[in-house]
C-alpha atoms as a PDB file:
ATOM      1  CA  GLN A   1       1.986  10.014  15.670  1.00  0.00           C
ATOM      2  CA  VAL A   2       0.494   7.854  13.410  1.00  0.00           C
ATOM      3  CA  GLN A   3      -0.706   4.531  13.816  1.00  0.00           C
ATOM      4  CA  LEU A   4      -1.402   2.337  10.549  1.00  0.00           C
ATOM      5  CA  VAL A   5      -3.345  -0.521  10.561  1.00  0.00           C
ATOM      6  CA  GLU A   6      -3.937  -2.564   7.389  1.00  0.00           C
ATOM      7  CA  SER A   7      -6.476  -5.038   6.677  1.00  0.00           C
ATOM      8  CA  GLY A   8      -7.826  -7.353   3.784  1.00  0.00           C
ATOM      9  CA  GLY A   9      -5.084  -9.971   3.459  1.00  0.00           C
ATOM     10  CA  GLY A  10      -5.279 -13.573   2.479  1.00  0.00           C
ATOM     11  CA  LEU A  11      -4.714 -16.485   0.385  1.00  0.00           C
ATOM     12  CA  VAL A  12      -6.245 -15.886  -3.234  1.00  0.00           C
ATOM     13  CA  GLN A  13      -5.459 -18.012  -6.383  1.00  0.00           C
ATOM     14  CA  ASP A  14      -3.860 -17.082  -9.488  1.00  0.00           C
ATOM     15  CA  GLY A  15      -5.364 -14.397 -11.428  1.00  0.00           C
ATOM     16  CA  GLY A  16      -7.527 -13.366  -8.259  1.00  0.00           C
ATOM     17  CA  SER A  17      -8.349 -10.404  -6.867  1.00  0.00           C
ATOM     18  CA  LEU A  18      -7.674  -8.677  -3.271  1.00  0.00           C
ATOM     19  CA  ARG A  19      -8.669  -5.019  -2.226  1.00  0.00           C
ATOM     20  CA  LEU A  20      -6.384  -4.211   1.270  1.00  0.00           C
ATOM     21  CA  SER A  21      -7.060  -1.419   3.101  1.00  0.00           C
ATOM     22  CA  CYS A  22      -4.871   0.680   5.626  1.00  0.00           C
ATOM     23  CA  ALA A  23      -6.789   2.411   8.566  1.00  0.00           C
ATOM     24  CA  ALA A  24      -4.786   5.939   9.638  1.00  0.00           C
ATOM     25  CA  SER A  25      -5.572   7.714  13.084  1.00  0.00           C
ATOM     26  CA  GLY A  26      -3.434   9.994  14.971  1.00  0.00           C
ATOM     27  CA  ARG A  27      -3.018  12.873  12.579  1.00  0.00           C
ATOM     28  CA  THR A  28      -5.039  14.637   9.676  1.00  0.00           C
ATOM     29  CA  PHE A  29      -5.343  12.295   6.996  1.00  0.00           C
ATOM     30  CA  SER A  30      -5.157  14.850   4.360  1.00  0.00           C
ATOM     31  CA  GLY A  31      -2.115  15.898   5.494  1.00  0.00           C
ATOM     32  CA  LEU A  32      -0.360  12.455   4.763  1.00  0.00           C
ATOM     33  CA  ALA A  33       0.938  11.235   1.670  1.00  0.00           C
ATOM     34  CA  LEU A  34       0.642   7.541   1.653  1.00  0.00           C
ATOM     35  CA  GLY A  35       2.682   4.629   0.248  1.00  0.00           C
ATOM     36  CA  TRP A  36       2.395   0.685   0.089  1.00  0.00           C
ATOM     37  CA  PHE A  37       5.714  -1.398  -0.013  1.00  0.00           C
ATOM     38  CA  ARG A  38       5.951  -5.504  -0.188  1.00  0.00           C
ATOM     39  CA  ARG A  39       8.523  -7.829   1.202  1.00  0.00           C
ATOM     40  CA  GLY A  40       8.656 -11.498  -0.651  1.00  0.00           C
ATOM     41  CA  PRO A  41       9.791 -14.347   1.153  1.00  0.00           C
ATOM     42  CA  GLY A  42      13.429 -14.003   1.546  1.00  0.00           C
ATOM     43  CA  LYS A  43      13.146 -10.692  -0.601  1.00  0.00           C
ATOM     44  CA  GLU A  44      14.047  -7.100   0.638  1.00  0.00           C
ATOM     45  CA  ARG A  45      11.035  -4.630   1.127  1.00  0.00           C
ATOM     46  CA  VAL A  46      10.598  -2.758  -2.403  1.00  0.00           C
ATOM     47  CA  PHE A  47       8.052  -0.131  -3.411  1.00  0.00           C
ATOM     48  CA  VAL A  48       4.528  -0.902  -4.725  1.00  0.00           C
ATOM     49  CA  THR A  49       2.667   2.279  -5.336  1.00  0.00           C
ATOM     50  CA  ALA A  50       2.373   5.781  -3.694  1.00  0.00           C
ATOM     51  CA  ILE A  51      -0.654   8.398  -3.678  1.00  0.00           C
ATOM     52  CA  SER A  52      -0.161  11.964  -3.040  1.00  0.00           C
ATOM     53  CA  ARG A  53      -1.545  14.261  -0.076  1.00  0.00           C
ATOM     54  CA  SER A  54      -4.604  15.434  -2.672  1.00  0.00           C
ATOM     55  CA  GLY A  55      -4.881  12.357  -4.172  1.00  0.00           C
ATOM     56  CA  GLY A  56      -4.565  13.376  -7.482  1.00  0.00           C
ATOM     57  CA  SER A  57      -0.840  12.302  -8.190  1.00  0.00           C
ATOM     58  CA  THR A  58      -0.233   8.257  -7.552  1.00  0.00           C
ATOM     59  CA  SER A  59       2.768   6.230  -8.516  1.00  0.00           C
ATOM     60  CA  TYR A  60       3.419   2.403  -9.322  1.00  0.00           C
ATOM     61  CA  ALA A  61       6.111  -0.002  -9.714  1.00  0.00           C
ATOM     62  CA  GLU A  62       6.040  -1.553 -13.284  1.00  0.00           C
ATOM     63  CA  THR A  63       5.765  -4.918 -11.588  1.00  0.00           C
ATOM     64  CA  VAL A  64       2.400  -4.047 -10.786  1.00  0.00           C
ATOM     65  CA  LYS A  65       1.299  -1.077 -12.964  1.00  0.00           C
ATOM     66  CA  GLY A  66      -2.216  -1.757 -14.868  1.00  0.00           C
ATOM     67  CA  ARG A  67      -2.856  -4.465 -12.177  1.00  0.00           C
ATOM     68  CA  PHE A  68      -3.031  -2.523  -9.154  1.00  0.00           C
ATOM     69  CA  THR A  69      -4.484   0.713  -8.121  1.00  0.00           C
ATOM     70  CA  ILE A  70      -4.016   2.773  -4.921  1.00  0.00           C
ATOM     71  CA  SER A  71      -6.993   5.373  -3.928  1.00  0.00           C
ATOM     72  CA  ARG A  72      -7.877   7.447  -0.420  1.00  0.00           C
ATOM     73  CA  ASP A  73     -11.033   8.020   1.228  1.00  0.00           C
ATOM     74  CA  ASN A  74     -10.018  11.181   3.175  1.00  0.00           C
ATOM     75  CA  THR A  75     -13.481  10.897   4.669  1.00  0.00           C
ATOM     76  CA  LYS A  76     -12.994   7.930   6.431  1.00  0.00           C
ATOM     77  CA  ASN A  77      -9.232   8.255   6.946  1.00  0.00           C
ATOM     78  CA  THR A  78      -8.243   4.911   5.030  1.00  0.00           C
ATOM     79  CA  VAL A  79      -6.269   4.391   1.436  1.00  0.00           C
ATOM     80  CA  TYR A  80      -7.044   1.313  -0.441  1.00  0.00           C
ATOM     81  CA  LEU A  81      -4.963  -0.659  -2.632  1.00  0.00           C
ATOM     82  CA  GLN A  82      -6.881  -2.399  -5.033  1.00  0.00           C
ATOM     83  CA  MET A  83      -5.497  -5.724  -6.839  1.00  0.00           C
ATOM     84  CA  ASN A  84      -6.357  -7.518  -9.750  1.00  0.00           C
ATOM     85  CA  SER A  85      -4.803 -10.472 -12.275  1.00  0.00           C
ATOM     86  CA  LEU A  86      -2.907 -11.665  -9.210  1.00  0.00           C
ATOM     87  CA  LYS A  87       0.113 -13.661  -9.503  1.00  0.00           C
ATOM     88  CA  PRO A  88       2.571 -16.247  -7.100  1.00  0.00           C
ATOM     89  CA  GLU A  89       5.301 -13.529  -7.565  1.00  0.00           C
ATOM     90  CA  ASP A  90       2.864 -11.062  -5.624  1.00  0.00           C
ATOM     91  CA  THR A  91       2.898 -13.165  -2.666  1.00  0.00           C
ATOM     92  CA  ALA A  92       4.348 -10.796  -0.087  1.00  0.00           C
ATOM     93  CA  VAL A  93       3.545  -8.966   3.218  1.00  0.00           C
ATOM     94  CA  TYR A  94       2.387  -5.961   2.031  1.00  0.00           C
ATOM     95  CA  TYR A  95       3.176  -2.470   4.609  1.00  0.00           C
ATOM     96  CA  CYS A  96       1.389   0.415   4.176  1.00  0.00           C
ATOM     97  CA  ALA A  97       3.395   3.755   4.872  1.00  0.00           C
ATOM     98  CA  ALA A  98       2.687   7.336   5.738  1.00  0.00           C
ATOM     99  CA  ASP A  99       4.601  10.459   5.530  1.00  0.00           C
ATOM    100  CA  GLN A 100       3.438  13.703   6.821  1.00  0.00           C
ATOM    101  CA  ARG A 101       6.589  15.788   5.578  1.00  0.00           C
ATOM    102  CA  ARG A 102       5.790  15.567   2.124  1.00  0.00           C
ATOM    103  CA  PHE A 103       3.045  16.522  -0.369  1.00  0.00           C
ATOM    104  CA  GLY A 104       3.623  14.084  -3.259  1.00  0.00           C
ATOM    105  CA  THR A 105       4.640  10.658  -3.920  1.00  0.00           C
ATOM    106  CA  SER A 106       7.748   8.966  -3.345  1.00  0.00           C
ATOM    107  CA  ASP A 107       9.081   5.322  -4.040  1.00  0.00           C
ATOM    108  CA  VAL A 108      11.853   5.316  -1.437  1.00  0.00           C
ATOM    109  CA  TRP A 109      10.984   3.177   1.741  1.00  0.00           C
ATOM    110  CA  HIS A 110      13.263   5.286   4.110  1.00  0.00           C
ATOM    111  CA  GLU A 111      11.153   8.847   3.254  1.00  0.00           C
ATOM    112  CA  TYR A 112       8.045   7.195   5.023  1.00  0.00           C
ATOM    113  CA  GLU A 113       7.785   7.917   8.661  1.00  0.00           C
ATOM    114  CA  TYR A 114       4.637   5.703   9.932  1.00  0.00           C
ATOM    115  CA  TRP A 115       4.322   1.882   8.730  1.00  0.00           C
ATOM    116  CA  GLY A 116       1.595  -0.383   9.703  1.00  0.00           C
ATOM    117  CA  GLN A 117       2.434  -3.828  10.763  1.00  0.00           C
ATOM    118  CA  GLY A 118       2.139  -5.460   7.515  1.00  0.00           C
ATOM    119  CA  THR A 119      -1.061  -7.825   6.185  1.00  0.00           C
ATOM    120  CA  GLN A 120       0.145 -11.293   4.430  1.00  0.00           C
ATOM    121  CA  VAL A 121      -1.332 -12.062   0.946  1.00  0.00           C
ATOM    122  CA  THR A 122      -0.447 -15.443  -0.565  1.00  0.00           C
ATOM    123  CA  VAL A 123      -0.937 -16.303  -4.207  1.00  0.00           C
ATOM    124  CA  SER A 124      -1.589 -19.804  -5.308  1.00  0.00           C
ATOM    125  CA  SER A 125      -1.140 -20.909  -8.259  1.00  0.00           C
END
């Protein structure tokens, strides 16, 4: 089992920045491929970004490319999501996800085994 705990969400103005963190426990962190998904109000869960086990490969949704950056610190068992130039349409609950079966990235939510409880990000206009 893997436990994931997100933090860092909050209220920010249009154009602002936030950094989300997701701390993992229960498995060797370096053996996990990781991702971030989000669910906006009245919307389905969608892919945001993912990072491979080694951190050498990343992928991003087109909607966040150039604004968001995913990174991982295997010494702290934590994955980060740096969000810059935030827009009201980025308002959502953000979820961290992990998968121990895969080495690379995936943008498919059901390919992830473990999920955090989510953290709310609200961007005001």
